[in-house]
Amino acid sequence: MDSMGEQRTGAVRVLRNERQQMSGFQLLQALPYHSAKLTFFDPQYRAVMDNLSYGNEGARQKARANLRQQTDHEIALFVQEIERVLKPSGHLMMWTDKFSIGSGHHLSYFRFAPTLKIVDLIAWNSLRFGMGSRTRGATEYLVVAQKEPLRAKGVWGDQSIRDCWSESSDRDLHPHAKPFKLIETLIRATTGRGDLVVDPCAGSYIVLEACRVSGREFAGCDIA
């Protein structure tokens, strides 16, 4: 680590506590084994829209349409790299939708990461009236996975977090903006001051801001 807070691996520079434009997969590959205590991952999936024949047409979806979609195979490779980067008993928080949860599709993302096990699930009520031909979607899901050895005592420090969390987010910042208070709470629950938190698809950089507030180190990027 140099005096400017850069981590160098080969030709790739990973900045700490800064916004950085680069490939998220490239960032993960540049990080050392067992270097992060926590990773957030918000893949650009579109499973529920494809399944329900929703497209990206119309003004409401213009911002989403500009984001490149990730294939299931690409998402699985990201999860594999996250497994490598996480410290033993570290956590992955991965966002997904109700179609993936209801169909079990999200399980396929862990096929290359045998030591990452799903240990919990948080439903986030975004307080928005979303899409749906039956019920209207207002909820996203945060899959909580832990790298072996699996344990909660001494690793998860806040037993007051509810598995159904209601909080609005600022979509003016980013079309996929996530709930700041939930993310900050999870960071404080699963890491200590100075621990590294990684976000390879940072978007609005909510995780970076939560790390600054909580005194954690951040490494993350986005392609734009």
C-alpha atoms as a PDB file:
ATOM      1  CA  MET A   1       0.000   0.000   0.000  1.00  0.00           C
ATOM      2  CA  ASP A   2       1.530   3.360  -0.988  1.00  0.00           C
ATOM      3  CA  SER A   3       1.107   6.765   0.638  1.00  0.00           C
ATOM      4  CA  MET A   4      -1.798   7.663  -1.656  1.00  0.00           C
ATOM      5  CA  GLY A   5      -3.881   4.729  -0.482  1.00  0.00           C
ATOM      6  CA  GLU A   6      -3.379   2.737  -3.673  1.00  0.00           C
ATOM      7  CA  GLN A   7      -3.043  -1.011  -3.775  1.00  0.00           C
ATOM      8  CA  ARG A   8      -0.991  -2.227  -6.721  1.00  0.00           C
ATOM      9  CA  THR A   9      -1.153  -5.695  -8.284  1.00  0.00           C
ATOM     10  CA  GLY A  10       0.575  -5.884 -11.663  1.00  0.00           C
ATOM     11  CA  ALA A  11      -0.646  -3.015 -13.848  1.00  0.00           C
ATOM     12  CA  VAL A  12      -3.900  -2.509 -11.938  1.00  0.00           C
ATOM     13  CA  ARG A  13      -4.255   0.188  -9.291  1.00  0.00           C
ATOM     14  CA  VAL A  14      -7.021  -0.238  -6.724  1.00  0.00           C
ATOM     15  CA  LEU A  15      -7.765   3.027  -4.963  1.00  0.00           C
ATOM     16  CA  ARG A  16      -8.910   2.978  -1.368  1.00  0.00           C
ATOM     17  CA  ASN A  17     -11.805   5.165  -0.238  1.00  0.00           C
ATOM     18  CA  GLU A  18     -12.272   6.700  -3.684  1.00  0.00           C
ATOM     19  CA  ARG A  19     -14.563   6.403  -6.696  1.00  0.00           C
ATOM     20  CA  GLN A  20     -12.865   4.502  -9.493  1.00  0.00           C
ATOM     21  CA  GLN A  21     -13.899   3.773 -13.079  1.00  0.00           C
ATOM     22  CA  MET A  22     -12.902   0.253 -14.083  1.00  0.00           C
ATOM     23  CA  SER A  23     -14.260  -3.269 -14.479  1.00  0.00           C
ATOM     24  CA  GLY A  24     -15.539  -4.746 -11.236  1.00  0.00           C
ATOM     25  CA  PHE A  25     -14.134  -8.138 -12.164  1.00  0.00           C
ATOM     26  CA  GLN A  26     -10.739  -6.548 -12.800  1.00  0.00           C
ATOM     27  CA  LEU A  27     -10.878  -4.897  -9.393  1.00  0.00           C
ATOM     28  CA  LEU A  28     -11.664  -8.181  -7.649  1.00  0.00           C
ATOM     29  CA  GLN A  29      -8.820  -9.954  -9.449  1.00  0.00           C
ATOM     30  CA  ALA A  30      -6.403  -7.251  -8.283  1.00  0.00           C
ATOM     31  CA  LEU A  31      -7.262  -7.714  -4.603  1.00  0.00           C
ATOM     32  CA  PRO A  32      -5.235 -10.187  -2.515  1.00  0.00           C
ATOM     33  CA  TYR A  33      -6.605 -13.419  -1.083  1.00  0.00           C
ATOM     34  CA  HIS A  34      -8.407 -13.019   2.248  1.00  0.00           C
ATOM     35  CA  SER A  35      -8.238  -9.219   2.167  1.00  0.00           C
ATOM     36  CA  ALA A  36     -11.888  -8.190   2.678  1.00  0.00           C
ATOM     37  CA  LYS A  37     -14.231  -8.708   5.594  1.00  0.00           C
ATOM     38  CA  LEU A  38     -17.385  -7.825   3.650  1.00  0.00           C
ATOM     39  CA  THR A  39     -18.465  -7.510   0.012  1.00  0.00           C
ATOM     40  CA  PHE A  40     -21.618  -5.987  -1.428  1.00  0.00           C
ATOM     41  CA  PHE A  41     -22.567  -7.125  -4.925  1.00  0.00           C
ATOM     42  CA  ASP A  42     -25.379  -5.627  -6.994  1.00  0.00           C
ATOM     43  CA  PRO A  43     -25.239  -7.473 -10.329  1.00  0.00           C
ATOM     44  CA  GLN A  44     -27.008  -5.955 -13.307  1.00  0.00           C
ATOM     45  CA  TYR A  45     -29.459  -8.839 -13.645  1.00  0.00           C
ATOM     46  CA  ARG A  46     -32.800  -8.605 -15.413  1.00  0.00           C
ATOM     47  CA  ALA A  47     -34.318 -11.979 -14.555  1.00  0.00           C
ATOM     48  CA  VAL A  48     -37.693 -10.697 -13.403  1.00  0.00           C
ATOM     49  CA  MET A  49     -38.140  -8.357 -16.390  1.00  0.00           C
ATOM     50  CA  ASP A  50     -37.196 -11.062 -18.892  1.00  0.00           C
ATOM     51  CA  ASN A  51     -39.463 -13.592 -17.229  1.00  0.00           C
ATOM     52  CA  LEU A  52     -42.410 -11.205 -17.246  1.00  0.00           C
ATOM     53  CA  SER A  53     -41.611  -9.934 -20.768  1.00  0.00           C
ATOM     54  CA  TYR A  54     -40.799  -6.431 -19.554  1.00  0.00           C
ATOM     55  CA  GLY A  55     -38.440  -4.495 -21.773  1.00  0.00           C
ATOM     56  CA  ASN A  56     -36.405  -1.360 -21.273  1.00  0.00           C
ATOM     57  CA  GLU A  57     -38.668   0.760 -23.424  1.00  0.00           C
ATOM     58  CA  GLY A  58     -40.143   4.012 -22.157  1.00  0.00           C
ATOM     59  CA  ALA A  59     -38.863   6.931 -20.143  1.00  0.00           C
ATOM     60  CA  ARG A  60     -38.971   5.018 -16.824  1.00  0.00           C
ATOM     61  CA  GLN A  61     -36.437   2.461 -18.072  1.00  0.00           C
ATOM     62  CA  LYS A  62     -34.001   4.666 -20.006  1.00  0.00           C
ATOM     63  CA  ALA A  63     -31.453   4.802 -17.207  1.00  0.00           C
ATOM     64  CA  ARG A  64     -31.659   1.052 -16.640  1.00  0.00           C
ATOM     65  CA  ALA A  65     -31.307   0.358 -20.365  1.00  0.00           C
ATOM     66  CA  ASN A  66     -27.987   2.215 -20.427  1.00  0.00           C
ATOM     67  CA  LEU A  67     -26.481  -0.304 -17.980  1.00  0.00           C
ATOM     68  CA  ARG A  68     -24.933  -3.391 -19.528  1.00  0.00           C
ATOM     69  CA  GLN A  69     -26.681  -6.586 -18.466  1.00  0.00           C
ATOM     70  CA  GLN A  70     -24.572  -9.352 -16.889  1.00  0.00           C
ATOM     71  CA  THR A  71     -25.055 -12.978 -17.855  1.00  0.00           C
ATOM     72  CA  ASP A  72     -25.597 -15.666 -15.235  1.00  0.00           C
ATOM     73  CA  HIS A  73     -22.132 -17.019 -16.012  1.00  0.00           C
ATOM     74  CA  GLU A  74     -20.533 -13.605 -15.445  1.00  0.00           C
ATOM     75  CA  ILE A  75     -22.343 -13.217 -12.125  1.00  0.00           C
ATOM     76  CA  ALA A  76     -21.136 -16.661 -11.037  1.00  0.00           C
ATOM     77  CA  LEU A  77     -17.541 -15.689 -11.892  1.00  0.00           C
ATOM     78  CA  PHE A  78     -17.893 -12.523  -9.808  1.00  0.00           C
ATOM     79  CA  VAL A  79     -19.082 -14.628  -6.865  1.00  0.00           C
ATOM     80  CA  GLN A  80     -16.108 -16.950  -7.328  1.00  0.00           C
ATOM     81  CA  GLU A  81     -13.684 -14.018  -7.114  1.00  0.00           C
ATOM     82  CA  ILE A  82     -15.525 -12.631  -4.104  1.00  0.00           C
ATOM     83  CA  GLU A  83     -15.067 -15.992  -2.379  1.00  0.00           C
ATOM     84  CA  ARG A  84     -11.311 -15.742  -2.976  1.00  0.00           C
ATOM     85  CA  VAL A  85     -11.070 -12.170  -1.692  1.00  0.00           C
ATOM     86  CA  LEU A  86     -13.144 -12.692   1.469  1.00  0.00           C
ATOM     87  CA  LYS A  87     -11.496 -13.534   4.756  1.00  0.00           C
ATOM     88  CA  PRO A  88     -12.634 -16.738   6.500  1.00  0.00           C
ATOM     89  CA  SER A  89     -16.105 -16.140   8.007  1.00  0.00           C
ATOM     90  CA  GLY A  90     -16.446 -12.957   5.920  1.00  0.00           C
ATOM     91  CA  HIS A  91     -19.787 -12.077   4.343  1.00  0.00           C
ATOM     92  CA  LEU A  92     -21.164 -11.443   0.871  1.00  0.00           C
ATOM     93  CA  MET A  93     -24.341  -9.344   0.584  1.00  0.00           C
ATOM     94  CA  MET A  94     -25.809  -9.899  -2.901  1.00  0.00           C
ATOM     95  CA  TRP A  95     -28.871  -8.097  -4.234  1.00  0.00           C
ATOM     96  CA  THR A  96     -31.440 -10.007  -6.263  1.00  0.00           C
ATOM     97  CA  ASP A  97     -35.141  -9.977  -7.193  1.00  0.00           C
ATOM     98  CA  LYS A  98     -38.242 -11.947  -6.291  1.00  0.00           C
ATOM     99  CA  PHE A  99     -38.189 -14.080  -9.438  1.00  0.00           C
ATOM    100  CA  SER A 100     -34.685 -15.320  -8.640  1.00  0.00           C
ATOM    101  CA  ILE A 101     -35.599 -16.020  -5.021  1.00  0.00           C
ATOM    102  CA  GLY A 102     -38.923 -17.661  -5.816  1.00  0.00           C
ATOM    103  CA  SER A 103     -37.485 -19.901  -8.525  1.00  0.00           C
ATOM    104  CA  GLY A 104     -34.239 -20.672  -6.702  1.00  0.00           C
ATOM    105  CA  HIS A 105     -32.347 -19.179  -9.642  1.00  0.00           C
ATOM    106  CA  HIS A 106     -30.008 -17.277  -7.317  1.00  0.00           C
ATOM    107  CA  LEU A 107     -28.483 -20.573  -6.149  1.00  0.00           C
ATOM    108  CA  SER A 108     -26.800 -21.014  -9.533  1.00  0.00           C
ATOM    109  CA  TYR A 109     -24.601 -17.988  -8.864  1.00  0.00           C
ATOM    110  CA  PHE A 110     -22.755 -19.947  -6.164  1.00  0.00           C
ATOM    111  CA  ARG A 111     -21.803 -22.923  -8.315  1.00  0.00           C
ATOM    112  CA  PHE A 112     -18.118 -21.880  -8.536  1.00  0.00           C
ATOM    113  CA  ALA A 113     -17.868 -20.844  -4.861  1.00  0.00           C
ATOM    114  CA  PRO A 114     -18.174 -24.005  -2.730  1.00  0.00           C
ATOM    115  CA  THR A 115     -17.069 -22.360   0.551  1.00  0.00           C
ATOM    116  CA  LEU A 116     -19.690 -19.586   0.318  1.00  0.00           C
ATOM    117  CA  LYS A 117     -22.939 -20.638   1.976  1.00  0.00           C
ATOM    118  CA  ILE A 118     -26.218 -18.730   2.159  1.00  0.00           C
ATOM    119  CA  VAL A 119     -26.940 -18.027   5.825  1.00  0.00           C
ATOM    120  CA  ASP A 120     -29.712 -15.393   5.762  1.00  0.00           C
ATOM    121  CA  LEU A 121     -32.040 -13.317   3.609  1.00  0.00           C
ATOM    122  CA  ILE A 122     -33.213  -9.717   4.022  1.00  0.00           C
ATOM    123  CA  ALA A 123     -36.284  -8.357   2.246  1.00  0.00           C
ATOM    124  CA  TRP A 124     -35.988  -4.645   1.500  1.00  0.00           C
ATOM    125  CA  ASN A 125     -39.266  -2.742   1.087  1.00  0.00           C
ATOM    126  CA  SER A 126     -38.243   0.232  -1.065  1.00  0.00           C
ATOM    127  CA  LEU A 127     -41.581   1.994  -0.396  1.00  0.00           C
ATOM    128  CA  ARG A 128     -42.087   2.339  -4.161  1.00  0.00           C
ATOM    129  CA  PHE A 129     -44.904   1.092  -6.367  1.00  0.00           C
ATOM    130  CA  GLY A 130     -43.145  -1.154  -8.887  1.00  0.00           C
ATOM    131  CA  MET A 131     -43.918  -3.411 -11.815  1.00  0.00           C
ATOM    132  CA  GLY A 132     -46.011  -6.561 -11.876  1.00  0.00           C
ATOM    133  CA  SER A 133     -48.879  -8.189 -13.736  1.00  0.00           C
ATOM    134  CA  ARG A 134     -50.222  -9.547 -10.415  1.00  0.00           C
ATOM    135  CA  THR A 135     -48.669  -8.047  -7.284  1.00  0.00           C
ATOM    136  CA  ARG A 136     -46.675  -4.847  -7.786  1.00  0.00           C
ATOM    137  CA  GLY A 137     -43.047  -5.194  -6.838  1.00  0.00           C
ATOM    138  CA  ALA A 138     -41.882  -2.999  -3.975  1.00  0.00           C
ATOM    139  CA  THR A 139     -39.281  -5.403  -2.589  1.00  0.00           C
ATOM    140  CA  GLU A 140     -35.721  -6.408  -3.400  1.00  0.00           C
ATOM    141  CA  TYR A 141     -33.816  -9.136  -1.614  1.00  0.00           C
ATOM    142  CA  LEU A 142     -30.378  -9.209  -0.059  1.00  0.00           C
ATOM    143  CA  VAL A 143     -28.902 -12.708  -0.023  1.00  0.00           C
ATOM    144  CA  VAL A 144     -26.500 -13.017   2.910  1.00  0.00           C
ATOM    145  CA  ALA A 145     -23.726 -15.566   2.347  1.00  0.00           C
ATOM    146  CA  GLN A 146     -20.783 -16.386   4.586  1.00  0.00           C
ATOM    147  CA  LYS A 147     -17.440 -17.929   3.744  1.00  0.00           C
ATOM    148  CA  GLU A 148     -16.609 -20.989   5.797  1.00  0.00           C
ATOM    149  CA  PRO A 149     -16.187 -21.495   8.686  1.00  0.00           C
ATOM    150  CA  LEU A 150     -19.793 -20.525   9.297  1.00  0.00           C
ATOM    151  CA  ARG A 151     -20.432 -18.782  12.585  1.00  0.00           C
ATOM    152  CA  ALA A 152     -22.442 -15.878  13.917  1.00  0.00           C
ATOM    153  CA  LYS A 153     -21.078 -15.431  17.428  1.00  0.00           C
ATOM    154  CA  GLY A 154     -18.194 -13.000  17.399  1.00  0.00           C
ATOM    155  CA  VAL A 155     -18.716 -12.250  13.692  1.00  0.00           C
ATOM    156  CA  TRP A 156     -22.220 -10.779  13.468  1.00  0.00           C
ATOM    157  CA  GLY A 157     -22.378  -8.100  16.123  1.00  0.00           C
ATOM    158  CA  ASP A 158     -25.962  -6.810  15.900  1.00  0.00           C
ATOM    159  CA  GLN A 159     -28.901  -9.106  16.604  1.00  0.00           C
ATOM    160  CA  SER A 160     -31.470  -6.285  16.322  1.00  0.00           C
ATOM    161  CA  ILE A 161     -31.531  -6.164  12.489  1.00  0.00           C
ATOM    162  CA  ARG A 162     -34.922  -7.208  11.125  1.00  0.00           C
ATOM    163  CA  ASP A 163     -35.131  -9.453   8.066  1.00  0.00           C
ATOM    164  CA  CYS A 164     -37.800  -7.163   6.581  1.00  0.00           C
ATOM    165  CA  TRP A 165     -36.422  -3.641   6.225  1.00  0.00           C
ATOM    166  CA  SER A 166     -38.400  -0.591   5.066  1.00  0.00           C
ATOM    167  CA  GLU A 167     -36.435   2.397   3.780  1.00  0.00           C
ATOM    168  CA  SER A 168     -36.608   4.648   0.749  1.00  0.00           C
ATOM    169  CA  SER A 169     -33.637   5.352  -1.500  1.00  0.00           C
ATOM    170  CA  ASP A 170     -32.684   8.249  -3.742  1.00  0.00           C
ATOM    171  CA  ARG A 171     -33.152   7.072  -7.332  1.00  0.00           C
ATOM    172  CA  ASP A 172     -31.989  10.490  -8.561  1.00  0.00           C
ATOM    173  CA  LEU A 173     -28.485   9.398  -7.560  1.00  0.00           C
ATOM    174  CA  HIS A 174     -28.655   6.142  -9.534  1.00  0.00           C
ATOM    175  CA  PRO A 175     -31.421   3.925 -10.994  1.00  0.00           C
ATOM    176  CA  HIS A 176     -30.353   1.148  -8.600  1.00  0.00           C
ATOM    177  CA  ALA A 177     -29.741   3.250  -5.480  1.00  0.00           C
ATOM    178  CA  LYS A 178     -29.924   1.110  -2.355  1.00  0.00           C
ATOM    179  CA  PRO A 179     -30.927   1.918   1.256  1.00  0.00           C
ATOM    180  CA  PHE A 180     -28.134   3.789   3.029  1.00  0.00           C
ATOM    181  CA  LYS A 181     -29.137   3.031   6.613  1.00  0.00           C
ATOM    182  CA  LEU A 182     -29.491  -0.712   5.993  1.00  0.00           C
ATOM    183  CA  ILE A 183     -26.077  -0.850   4.351  1.00  0.00           C
ATOM    184  CA  GLU A 184     -24.434   1.156   7.135  1.00  0.00           C
ATOM    185  CA  THR A 185     -26.073  -1.088   9.754  1.00  0.00           C
ATOM    186  CA  LEU A 186     -24.829  -4.245   8.035  1.00  0.00           C
ATOM    187  CA  ILE A 187     -21.316  -2.830   7.728  1.00  0.00           C
ATOM    188  CA  ARG A 188     -21.223  -2.053  11.448  1.00  0.00           C
ATOM    189  CA  ALA A 189     -22.664  -5.497  12.282  1.00  0.00           C
ATOM    190  CA  THR A 190     -20.141  -7.569  10.327  1.00  0.00           C
ATOM    191  CA  THR A 191     -16.900  -5.533  10.310  1.00  0.00           C
ATOM    192  CA  GLY A 192     -14.689  -3.532  12.627  1.00  0.00           C
ATOM    193  CA  ARG A 193     -13.089  -0.126  12.212  1.00  0.00           C
ATOM    194  CA  GLY A 194     -10.376  -0.292   9.559  1.00  0.00           C
ATOM    195  CA  ASP A 195     -11.693  -3.482   7.935  1.00  0.00           C
ATOM    196  CA  LEU A 196     -11.963  -3.554   4.151  1.00  0.00           C
ATOM    197  CA  VAL A 197     -15.397  -3.489   2.497  1.00  0.00           C
ATOM    198  CA  VAL A 198     -15.523  -4.193  -1.260  1.00  0.00           C
ATOM    199  CA  ASP A 199     -18.165  -3.184  -3.811  1.00  0.00           C
ATOM    200  CA  PRO A 200     -17.276  -4.137  -7.418  1.00  0.00           C
ATOM    201  CA  CYS A 201     -20.511  -2.669  -8.885  1.00  0.00           C
ATOM    202  CA  ALA A 202     -20.650   0.498  -6.820  1.00  0.00           C
ATOM    203  CA  GLY A 203     -23.259   2.484  -8.775  1.00  0.00           C
ATOM    204  CA  SER A 204     -24.202   5.441  -6.564  1.00  0.00           C
ATOM    205  CA  TYR A 205     -21.353   4.629  -4.126  1.00  0.00           C
ATOM    206  CA  ILE A 206     -23.716   4.313  -1.188  1.00  0.00           C
ATOM    207  CA  VAL A 207     -21.351   1.683   0.269  1.00  0.00           C
ATOM    208  CA  LEU A 208     -18.438   4.126   0.065  1.00  0.00           C
ATOM    209  CA  GLU A 209     -20.409   6.771   1.948  1.00  0.00           C
ATOM    210  CA  ALA A 210     -21.453   4.235   4.593  1.00  0.00           C
ATOM    211  CA  CYS A 211     -17.803   3.200   5.023  1.00  0.00           C
ATOM    212  CA  ARG A 212     -16.767   6.811   5.518  1.00  0.00           C
ATOM    213  CA  VAL A 213     -19.403   7.291   8.203  1.00  0.00           C
ATOM    214  CA  SER A 214     -18.492   4.052   9.999  1.00  0.00           C
ATOM    215  CA  GLY A 215     -14.697   4.274   9.737  1.00  0.00           C
ATOM    216  CA  ARG A 216     -14.210   1.305   7.412  1.00  0.00           C
ATOM    217  CA  GLU A 217     -11.897   1.026   4.413  1.00  0.00           C
ATOM    218  CA  PHE A 218     -13.538   0.855   0.963  1.00  0.00           C
ATOM    219  CA  ALA A 219     -12.444  -0.563  -2.364  1.00  0.00           C
ATOM    220  CA  GLY A 220     -14.923  -0.339  -5.203  1.00  0.00           C
ATOM    221  CA  CYS A 221     -15.597   0.803  -8.722  1.00  0.00           C
ATOM    222  CA  ASP A 222     -18.104   1.053 -11.517  1.00  0.00           C
ATOM    223  CA  ILE A 223     -17.739   0.973 -15.286  1.00  0.00           C
ATOM    224  CA  ALA A 224     -19.127   4.504 -15.719  1.00  0.00           C
END
